Amino acid sequence: MWKMFKTILSSENYWRSVLRLAFLFAIVFAVVVYVGEAKFDWEYFSAKYINEGRWFTFFRSRVLGGLVYGLFVSYFFQRRKILEDRVK
């Protein structure tokens, strides 16, 4: 188990996948928040997050959430790929 964990974490493809998923998650989640809270009203959104000085918290939470999402999802994708390759 630890050997597979180390193998996955040392893989360059794993880290590329983590960054790609983190970036996509951050964009999708920011759009969902924009649509869900602001209902396409840019003035409301900018007043709530930018003008009140919460833009750093908004940005940081999206990046950290994306990284956590990317770490877990990429790990299980890589693990599944390794296990499938062993069976073949």
PDB file of N, CA and C in Angstrom:
ATOM      1  N   MET A   1       0.813  -1.186   0.000  1.00  0.00           N
ATOM      2  CA  MET A   1       0.000   0.000   0.000  1.00  0.00           C
ATOM      3  C   MET A   1       0.867   1.263   0.000  1.00  0.00           C
ATOM      4  N   TRP A   2       1.870   1.318   0.862  1.00  0.00           N
ATOM      5  CA  TRP A   2       2.745   2.493   0.914  1.00  0.00           C
ATOM      6  C   TRP A   2       3.572   2.607  -0.350  1.00  0.00           C
ATOM      7  N   LYS A   3       3.917   1.457  -0.918  1.00  0.00           N
ATOM      8  CA  LYS A   3       4.696   1.476  -2.148  1.00  0.00           C
ATOM      9  C   LYS A   3       3.882   2.109  -3.276  1.00  0.00           C
ATOM     10  N   MET A   4       2.607   1.747  -3.365  1.00  0.00           N
ATOM     11  CA  MET A   4       1.750   2.337  -4.389  1.00  0.00           C
ATOM     12  C   MET A   4       1.569   3.840  -4.136  1.00  0.00           C
ATOM     13  N   PHE A   5       1.405   4.210  -2.878  1.00  0.00           N
ATOM     14  CA  PHE A   5       1.249   5.617  -2.513  1.00  0.00           C
ATOM     15  C   PHE A   5       2.469   6.425  -2.948  1.00  0.00           C
ATOM     16  N   LYS A   6       3.658   5.891  -2.658  1.00  0.00           N
ATOM     17  CA  LYS A   6       4.891   6.575  -3.047  1.00  0.00           C
ATOM     18  C   LYS A   6       5.039   6.624  -4.559  1.00  0.00           C
ATOM     19  N   THR A   7       4.648   5.545  -5.234  1.00  0.00           N
ATOM     20  CA  THR A   7       4.731   5.503  -6.690  1.00  0.00           C
ATOM     21  C   THR A   7       3.841   6.567  -7.311  1.00  0.00           C
ATOM     22  N   ILE A   8       2.641   6.682  -6.800  1.00  0.00           N
ATOM     23  CA  ILE A   8       1.699   7.661  -7.345  1.00  0.00           C
ATOM     24  C   ILE A   8       2.179   9.080  -7.084  1.00  0.00           C
ATOM     25  N   LEU A   9       2.627   9.353  -5.869  1.00  0.00           N
ATOM     26  CA  LEU A   9       3.065  10.709  -5.540  1.00  0.00           C
ATOM     27  C   LEU A   9       4.329  11.119  -6.282  1.00  0.00           C
ATOM     28  N   SER A  10       5.125  10.167  -6.674  1.00  0.00           N
ATOM     29  CA  SER A  10       6.348  10.502  -7.406  1.00  0.00           C
ATOM     30  C   SER A  10       6.117  10.595  -8.913  1.00  0.00           C
ATOM     31  N   SER A  11       4.914  10.297  -9.350  1.00  0.00           N
ATOM     32  CA  SER A  11       4.597  10.337 -10.770  1.00  0.00           C
ATOM     33  C   SER A  11       4.387  11.775 -11.246  1.00  0.00           C
ATOM     34  N   GLU A  12       5.000  12.101 -12.355  1.00  0.00           N
ATOM     35  CA  GLU A  12       4.835  13.440 -12.929  1.00  0.00           C
ATOM     36  C   GLU A  12       3.403  13.621 -13.459  1.00  0.00           C
ATOM     37  N   ASN A  13       2.824  12.557 -13.997  1.00  0.00           N
ATOM     38  CA  ASN A  13       1.451  12.633 -14.502  1.00  0.00           C
ATOM     39  C   ASN A  13       0.464  12.942 -13.385  1.00  0.00           C
ATOM     40  N   TYR A  14       0.736  12.437 -12.191  1.00  0.00           N
ATOM     41  CA  TYR A  14      -0.147  12.697 -11.057  1.00  0.00           C
ATOM     42  C   TYR A  14      -0.211  14.184 -10.752  1.00  0.00           C
ATOM     43  N   TRP A  15       0.939  14.823 -10.679  1.00  0.00           N
ATOM     44  CA  TRP A  15       0.975  16.241 -10.318  1.00  0.00           C
ATOM     45  C   TRP A  15       0.407  17.122 -11.416  1.00  0.00           C
ATOM     46  N   ARG A  16       0.594  16.731 -12.680  1.00  0.00           N
ATOM     47  CA  ARG A  16      -0.043  17.464 -13.774  1.00  0.00           C
ATOM     48  C   ARG A  16      -1.553  17.359 -13.671  1.00  0.00           C
ATOM     49  N   SER A  17      -2.022  16.170 -13.355  1.00  0.00           N
ATOM     50  CA  SER A  17      -3.454  15.955 -13.203  1.00  0.00           C
ATOM     51  C   SER A  17      -4.015  16.744 -12.021  1.00  0.00           C
ATOM     52  N   VAL A  18      -3.263  16.789 -10.926  1.00  0.00           N
ATOM     53  CA  VAL A  18      -3.693  17.559  -9.750  1.00  0.00           C
ATOM     54  C   VAL A  18      -3.856  19.027 -10.113  1.00  0.00           C
ATOM     55  N   LEU A  19      -2.872  19.597 -10.763  1.00  0.00           N
ATOM     56  CA  LEU A  19      -2.924  21.013 -11.119  1.00  0.00           C
ATOM     57  C   LEU A  19      -4.034  21.305 -12.124  1.00  0.00           C
ATOM     58  N   ARG A  20      -4.204  20.424 -13.088  1.00  0.00           N
ATOM     59  CA  ARG A  20      -5.262  20.619 -14.074  1.00  0.00           C
ATOM     60  C   ARG A  20      -6.636  20.570 -13.417  1.00  0.00           C
ATOM     61  N   LEU A  21      -6.873  19.573 -12.575  1.00  0.00           N
ATOM     62  CA  LEU A  21      -8.153  19.472 -11.889  1.00  0.00           C
ATOM     63  C   LEU A  21      -8.376  20.621 -10.915  1.00  0.00           C
ATOM     64  N   ALA A  22      -7.325  21.042 -10.234  1.00  0.00           N
ATOM     65  CA  ALA A  22      -7.454  22.159  -9.298  1.00  0.00           C
ATOM     66  C   ALA A  22      -7.847  23.433 -10.037  1.00  0.00           C
ATOM     67  N   PHE A  23      -7.221  23.683 -11.162  1.00  0.00           N
ATOM     68  CA  PHE A  23      -7.535  24.867 -11.955  1.00  0.00           C
ATOM     69  C   PHE A  23      -8.977  24.814 -12.463  1.00  0.00           C
ATOM     70  N   LEU A  24      -9.369  23.690 -13.030  1.00  0.00           N
ATOM     71  CA  LEU A  24     -10.731  23.553 -13.545  1.00  0.00           C
ATOM     72  C   LEU A  24     -11.769  23.637 -12.427  1.00  0.00           C
ATOM     73  N   PHE A  25     -11.475  23.017 -11.294  1.00  0.00           N
ATOM     74  CA  PHE A  25     -12.403  23.077 -10.160  1.00  0.00           C
ATOM     75  C   PHE A  25     -12.564  24.515  -9.679  1.00  0.00           C
ATOM     76  N   ALA A  26     -11.470  25.251  -9.593  1.00  0.00           N
ATOM     77  CA  ALA A  26     -11.536  26.634  -9.124  1.00  0.00           C
ATOM     78  C   ALA A  26     -12.391  27.487 -10.056  1.00  0.00           C
ATOM     79  N   ILE A  27     -12.234  27.300 -11.354  1.00  0.00           N
ATOM     80  CA  ILE A  27     -13.033  28.065 -12.313  1.00  0.00           C
ATOM     81  C   ILE A  27     -14.506  27.685 -12.224  1.00  0.00           C
ATOM     82  N   VAL A  28     -14.782  26.388 -12.232  1.00  0.00           N
ATOM     83  CA  VAL A  28     -16.176  25.940 -12.178  1.00  0.00           C
ATOM     84  C   VAL A  28     -16.836  26.382 -10.883  1.00  0.00           C
ATOM     85  N   PHE A  29     -16.139  26.252  -9.771  1.00  0.00           N
ATOM     86  CA  PHE A  29     -16.728  26.625  -8.489  1.00  0.00           C
ATOM     87  C   PHE A  29     -16.960  28.131  -8.397  1.00  0.00           C
ATOM     88  N   ALA A  30     -16.041  28.925  -8.943  1.00  0.00           N
ATOM     89  CA  ALA A  30     -16.223  30.376  -8.948  1.00  0.00           C
ATOM     90  C   ALA A  30     -17.436  30.765  -9.787  1.00  0.00           C
ATOM     91  N   VAL A  31     -17.625  30.098 -10.915  1.00  0.00           N
ATOM     92  CA  VAL A  31     -18.801  30.369 -11.750  1.00  0.00           C
ATOM     93  C   VAL A  31     -20.076  29.950 -11.031  1.00  0.00           C
ATOM     94  N   VAL A  32     -20.051  28.799 -10.364  1.00  0.00           N
ATOM     95  CA  VAL A  32     -21.225  28.337  -9.622  1.00  0.00           C
ATOM     96  C   VAL A  32     -21.577  29.318  -8.512  1.00  0.00           C
ATOM     97  N   VAL A  33     -20.587  29.818  -7.804  1.00  0.00           N
ATOM     98  CA  VAL A  33     -20.829  30.801  -6.751  1.00  0.00           C
ATOM     99  C   VAL A  33     -21.396  32.083  -7.350  1.00  0.00           C
ATOM    100  N   TYR A  34     -20.817  32.503  -8.466  1.00  0.00           N
ATOM    101  CA  TYR A  34     -21.292  33.718  -9.129  1.00  0.00           C
ATOM    102  C   TYR A  34     -22.751  33.577  -9.550  1.00  0.00           C
ATOM    103  N   VAL A  35     -23.089  32.461 -10.160  1.00  0.00           N
ATOM    104  CA  VAL A  35     -24.463  32.244 -10.620  1.00  0.00           C
ATOM    105  C   VAL A  35     -25.400  32.012  -9.439  1.00  0.00           C
ATOM    106  N   GLY A  36     -24.948  31.226  -8.473  1.00  0.00           N
ATOM    107  CA  GLY A  36     -25.814  30.886  -7.344  1.00  0.00           C
ATOM    108  C   GLY A  36     -26.089  32.039  -6.402  1.00  0.00           C
ATOM    109  N   GLU A  37     -25.078  32.827  -6.096  1.00  0.00           N
ATOM    110  CA  GLU A  37     -25.258  33.917  -5.141  1.00  0.00           C
ATOM    111  C   GLU A  37     -25.654  35.222  -5.810  1.00  0.00           C
ATOM    112  N   ALA A  38     -24.992  35.555  -6.905  1.00  0.00           N
ATOM    113  CA  ALA A  38     -25.196  36.868  -7.506  1.00  0.00           C
ATOM    114  C   ALA A  38     -26.265  36.868  -8.594  1.00  0.00           C
ATOM    115  N   LYS A  39     -26.670  35.690  -9.054  1.00  0.00           N
ATOM    116  CA  LYS A  39     -27.677  35.576 -10.118  1.00  0.00           C
ATOM    117  C   LYS A  39     -27.303  36.446 -11.334  1.00  0.00           C
ATOM    118  N   PHE A  40     -26.061  36.340 -11.762  1.00  0.00           N
ATOM    119  CA  PHE A  40     -25.506  37.054 -12.920  1.00  0.00           C
ATOM    120  C   PHE A  40     -25.445  38.572 -12.718  1.00  0.00           C
ATOM    121  N   ASP A  41     -25.495  39.030 -11.490  1.00  0.00           N
ATOM    122  CA  ASP A  41     -25.416  40.462 -11.203  1.00  0.00           C
ATOM    123  C   ASP A  41     -23.985  40.798 -10.788  1.00  0.00           C
ATOM    124  N   TRP A  42     -23.203  41.361 -11.740  1.00  0.00           N
ATOM    125  CA  TRP A  42     -21.802  41.645 -11.472  1.00  0.00           C
ATOM    126  C   TRP A  42     -21.637  42.687 -10.369  1.00  0.00           C
ATOM    127  N   GLU A  43     -22.533  43.642 -10.295  1.00  0.00           N
ATOM    128  CA  GLU A  43     -22.439  44.683  -9.265  1.00  0.00           C
ATOM    129  C   GLU A  43     -22.541  44.080  -7.865  1.00  0.00           C
ATOM    130  N   TYR A  44     -23.467  43.176  -7.682  1.00  0.00           N
ATOM    131  CA  TYR A  44     -23.619  42.507  -6.380  1.00  0.00           C
ATOM    132  C   TYR A  44     -22.373  41.690  -6.057  1.00  0.00           C
ATOM    133  N   PHE A  45     -21.915  40.941  -7.038  1.00  0.00           N
ATOM    134  CA  PHE A  45     -20.748  40.080  -6.835  1.00  0.00           C
ATOM    135  C   PHE A  45     -19.507  40.905  -6.500  1.00  0.00           C
ATOM    136  N   SER A  46     -19.272  41.964  -7.253  1.00  0.00           N
ATOM    137  CA  SER A  46     -18.088  42.784  -6.994  1.00  0.00           C
ATOM    138  C   SER A  46     -18.211  43.526  -5.663  1.00  0.00           C
ATOM    139  N   ALA A  47     -19.417  43.938  -5.313  1.00  0.00           N
ATOM    140  CA  ALA A  47     -19.602  44.613  -4.022  1.00  0.00           C
ATOM    141  C   ALA A  47     -19.333  43.654  -2.871  1.00  0.00           C
ATOM    142  N   LYS A  48     -19.773  42.407  -3.024  1.00  0.00           N
ATOM    143  CA  LYS A  48     -19.624  41.441  -1.935  1.00  0.00           C
ATOM    144  C   LYS A  48     -18.191  40.938  -1.785  1.00  0.00           C
ATOM    145  N   TYR A  49     -17.529  40.662  -2.880  1.00  0.00           N
ATOM    146  CA  TYR A  49     -16.211  40.027  -2.791  1.00  0.00           C
ATOM    147  C   TYR A  49     -15.039  40.969  -3.046  1.00  0.00           C
ATOM    148  N   ILE A  50     -15.195  41.916  -3.935  1.00  0.00           N
ATOM    149  CA  ILE A  50     -14.057  42.755  -4.298  1.00  0.00           C
ATOM    150  C   ILE A  50     -14.036  44.032  -3.457  1.00  0.00           C
ATOM    151  N   ASN A  51     -15.131  44.725  -3.404  1.00  0.00           N
ATOM    152  CA  ASN A  51     -15.167  46.008  -2.700  1.00  0.00           C
ATOM    153  C   ASN A  51     -15.037  45.855  -1.190  1.00  0.00           C
ATOM    154  N   GLU A  52     -15.516  44.756  -0.646  1.00  0.00           N
ATOM    155  CA  GLU A  52     -15.409  44.534   0.797  1.00  0.00           C
ATOM    156  C   GLU A  52     -14.055  43.964   1.200  1.00  0.00           C
ATOM    157  N   GLY A  53     -13.199  43.732   0.234  1.00  0.00           N
ATOM    158  CA  GLY A  53     -11.862  43.221   0.531  1.00  0.00           C
ATOM    159  C   GLY A  53     -11.821  41.722   0.772  1.00  0.00           C
ATOM    160  N   ARG A  54     -12.830  41.017   0.346  1.00  0.00           N
ATOM    161  CA  ARG A  54     -12.855  39.564   0.529  1.00  0.00           C
ATOM    162  C   ARG A  54     -12.351  38.810  -0.688  1.00  0.00           C
ATOM    163  N   TRP A  55     -11.747  39.510  -1.642  1.00  0.00           N
ATOM    164  CA  TRP A  55     -11.305  38.850  -2.860  1.00  0.00           C
ATOM    165  C   TRP A  55     -10.191  37.849  -2.587  1.00  0.00           C
ATOM    166  N   PHE A  56      -9.301  38.163  -1.622  1.00  0.00           N
ATOM    167  CA  PHE A  56      -8.213  37.236  -1.314  1.00  0.00           C
ATOM    168  C   PHE A  56      -8.765  35.953  -0.704  1.00  0.00           C
ATOM    169  N   THR A  57      -9.734  36.083   0.187  1.00  0.00           N
ATOM    170  CA  THR A  57     -10.369  34.893   0.781  1.00  0.00           C
ATOM    171  C   THR A  57     -11.102  34.094  -0.280  1.00  0.00           C
ATOM    172  N   PHE A  58     -11.783  34.778  -1.176  1.00  0.00           N
ATOM    173  CA  PHE A  58     -12.494  34.117  -2.270  1.00  0.00           C
ATOM    174  C   PHE A  58     -11.509  33.338  -3.139  1.00  0.00           C
ATOM    175  N   PHE A  59     -10.425  33.996  -3.528  1.00  0.00           N
ATOM    176  CA  PHE A  59      -9.423  33.361  -4.382  1.00  0.00           C
ATOM    177  C   PHE A  59      -8.731  32.204  -3.668  1.00  0.00           C
ATOM    178  N   ARG A  60      -8.316  32.440  -2.421  1.00  0.00           N
ATOM    179  CA  ARG A  60      -7.616  31.410  -1.650  1.00  0.00           C
ATOM    180  C   ARG A  60      -8.489  30.172  -1.443  1.00  0.00           C
ATOM    181  N   SER A  61      -9.753  30.376  -1.128  1.00  0.00           N
ATOM    182  CA  SER A  61     -10.627  29.229  -0.883  1.00  0.00           C
ATOM    183  C   SER A  61     -10.841  28.412  -2.145  1.00  0.00           C
ATOM    184  N   ARG A  62     -10.909  29.077  -3.289  1.00  0.00           N
ATOM    185  CA  ARG A  62     -11.073  28.333  -4.547  1.00  0.00           C
ATOM    186  C   ARG A  62      -9.816  27.542  -4.872  1.00  0.00           C
ATOM    187  N   VAL A  63      -8.666  28.131  -4.665  1.00  0.00           N
ATOM    188  CA  VAL A  63      -7.406  27.442  -4.962  1.00  0.00           C
ATOM    189  C   VAL A  63      -7.207  26.261  -4.021  1.00  0.00           C
ATOM    190  N   LEU A  64      -7.402  26.475  -2.733  1.00  0.00           N
ATOM    191  CA  LEU A  64      -7.223  25.377  -1.770  1.00  0.00           C
ATOM    192  C   LEU A  64      -8.255  24.268  -1.985  1.00  0.00           C
ATOM    193  N   GLY A  65      -9.487  24.651  -2.232  1.00  0.00           N
ATOM    194  CA  GLY A  65     -10.516  23.647  -2.519  1.00  0.00           C
ATOM    195  C   GLY A  65     -10.194  22.861  -3.765  1.00  0.00           C
ATOM    196  N   GLY A  66      -9.710  23.547  -4.779  1.00  0.00           N
ATOM    197  CA  GLY A  66      -9.325  22.872  -6.011  1.00  0.00           C
ATOM    198  C   GLY A  66      -8.160  21.920  -5.809  1.00  0.00           C
ATOM    199  N   LEU A  67      -7.191  22.331  -5.008  1.00  0.00           N
ATOM    200  CA  LEU A  67      -6.047  21.453  -4.750  1.00  0.00           C
ATOM    201  C   LEU A  67      -6.460  20.200  -3.983  1.00  0.00           C
ATOM    202  N   VAL A  68      -7.298  20.355  -2.987  1.00  0.00           N
ATOM    203  CA  VAL A  68      -7.775  19.192  -2.227  1.00  0.00           C
ATOM    204  C   VAL A  68      -8.553  18.258  -3.146  1.00  0.00           C
ATOM    205  N   TYR A  69      -9.437  18.825  -3.932  1.00  0.00           N
ATOM    206  CA  TYR A  69     -10.209  18.027  -4.889  1.00  0.00           C
ATOM    207  C   TYR A  69      -9.267  17.313  -5.864  1.00  0.00           C
ATOM    208  N   GLY A  70      -8.310  18.050  -6.419  1.00  0.00           N
ATOM    209  CA  GLY A  70      -7.384  17.467  -7.376  1.00  0.00           C
ATOM    210  C   GLY A  70      -6.521  16.374  -6.782  1.00  0.00           C
ATOM    211  N   LEU A  71      -6.072  16.562  -5.542  1.00  0.00           N
ATOM    212  CA  LEU A  71      -5.241  15.547  -4.890  1.00  0.00           C
ATOM    213  C   LEU A  71      -5.987  14.231  -4.738  1.00  0.00           C
ATOM    214  N   PHE A  72      -7.218  14.296  -4.239  1.00  0.00           N
ATOM    215  CA  PHE A  72      -7.972  13.065  -4.015  1.00  0.00           C
ATOM    216  C   PHE A  72      -8.405  12.405  -5.317  1.00  0.00           C
ATOM    217  N   VAL A  73      -8.973  13.167  -6.213  1.00  0.00           N
ATOM    218  CA  VAL A  73      -9.480  12.578  -7.458  1.00  0.00           C
ATOM    219  C   VAL A  73      -8.333  12.020  -8.292  1.00  0.00           C
ATOM    220  N   SER A  74      -7.259  12.766  -8.414  1.00  0.00           N
ATOM    221  CA  SER A  74      -6.113  12.285  -9.200  1.00  0.00           C
ATOM    222  C   SER A  74      -5.485  11.048  -8.585  1.00  0.00           C
ATOM    223  N   TYR A  75      -5.421  11.004  -7.260  1.00  0.00           N
ATOM    224  CA  TYR A  75      -4.847   9.833  -6.605  1.00  0.00           C
ATOM    225  C   TYR A  75      -5.643   8.576  -6.964  1.00  0.00           C
ATOM    226  N   PHE A  76      -6.964   8.662  -6.873  1.00  0.00           N
ATOM    227  CA  PHE A  76      -7.763   7.473  -7.154  1.00  0.00           C
ATOM    228  C   PHE A  76      -7.787   7.123  -8.634  1.00  0.00           C
ATOM    229  N   PHE A  77      -7.676   8.117  -9.525  1.00  0.00           N
ATOM    230  CA  PHE A  77      -7.544   7.818 -10.949  1.00  0.00           C
ATOM    231  C   PHE A  77      -6.227   7.095 -11.226  1.00  0.00           C
ATOM    232  N   GLN A  78      -5.147   7.591 -10.655  1.00  0.00           N
ATOM    233  CA  GLN A  78      -3.843   6.958 -10.863  1.00  0.00           C
ATOM    234  C   GLN A  78      -3.811   5.553 -10.256  1.00  0.00           C
ATOM    235  N   ARG A  79      -4.401   5.411  -9.084  1.00  0.00           N
ATOM    236  CA  ARG A  79      -4.442   4.101  -8.418  1.00  0.00           C
ATOM    237  C   ARG A  79      -5.204   3.090  -9.267  1.00  0.00           C
ATOM    238  N   ARG A  80      -6.356   3.528  -9.787  1.00  0.00           N
ATOM    239  CA  ARG A  80      -7.144   2.629 -10.636  1.00  0.00           C
ATOM    240  C   ARG A  80      -6.356   2.234 -11.879  1.00  0.00           C
ATOM    241  N   LYS A  81      -5.642   3.194 -12.473  1.00  0.00           N
ATOM    242  CA  LYS A  81      -4.862   2.907 -13.665  1.00  0.00           C
ATOM    243  C   LYS A  81      -3.761   1.891 -13.366  1.00  0.00           C
ATOM    244  N   ILE A  82      -3.070   2.046 -12.240  1.00  0.00           N
ATOM    245  CA  ILE A  82      -2.017   1.108 -11.880  1.00  0.00           C
ATOM    246  C   ILE A  82      -2.585  -0.288 -11.643  1.00  0.00           C
ATOM    247  N   LEU A  83      -3.708  -0.376 -10.941  1.00  0.00           N
ATOM    248  CA  LEU A  83      -4.318  -1.675 -10.689  1.00  0.00           C
ATOM    249  C   LEU A  83      -4.809  -2.339 -11.966  1.00  0.00           C
ATOM    250  N   GLU A  84      -5.353  -1.557 -12.895  1.00  0.00           N
ATOM    251  CA  GLU A  84      -5.787  -2.124 -14.171  1.00  0.00           C
ATOM    252  C   GLU A  84      -4.603  -2.620 -14.975  1.00  0.00           C
ATOM    253  N   ASP A  85      -3.478  -1.906 -14.925  1.00  0.00           N
ATOM    254  CA  ASP A  85      -2.293  -2.330 -15.658  1.00  0.00           C
ATOM    255  C   ASP A  85      -1.717  -3.611 -15.076  1.00  0.00           C
ATOM    256  N   ARG A  86      -1.833  -3.806 -13.773  1.00  0.00           N
ATOM    257  CA  ARG A  86      -1.347  -5.036 -13.143  1.00  0.00           C
ATOM    258  C   ARG A  86      -2.155  -6.252 -13.592  1.00  0.00           C
ATOM    259  N   VAL A  87      -3.455  -6.062 -13.786  1.00  0.00           N
ATOM    260  CA  VAL A  87      -4.316  -7.181 -14.169  1.00  0.00           C
ATOM    261  C   VAL A  87      -4.030  -7.628 -15.593  1.00  0.00           C
ATOM    262  N   LYS A  88      -3.660  -6.700 -16.465  1.00  0.00           N
ATOM    263  CA  LYS A  88      -3.391  -7.024 -17.860  1.00  0.00           C
ATOM    264  C   LYS A  88      -2.158  -7.776 -18.019  1.00  0.00           C
TER     265      LYS A  88
END
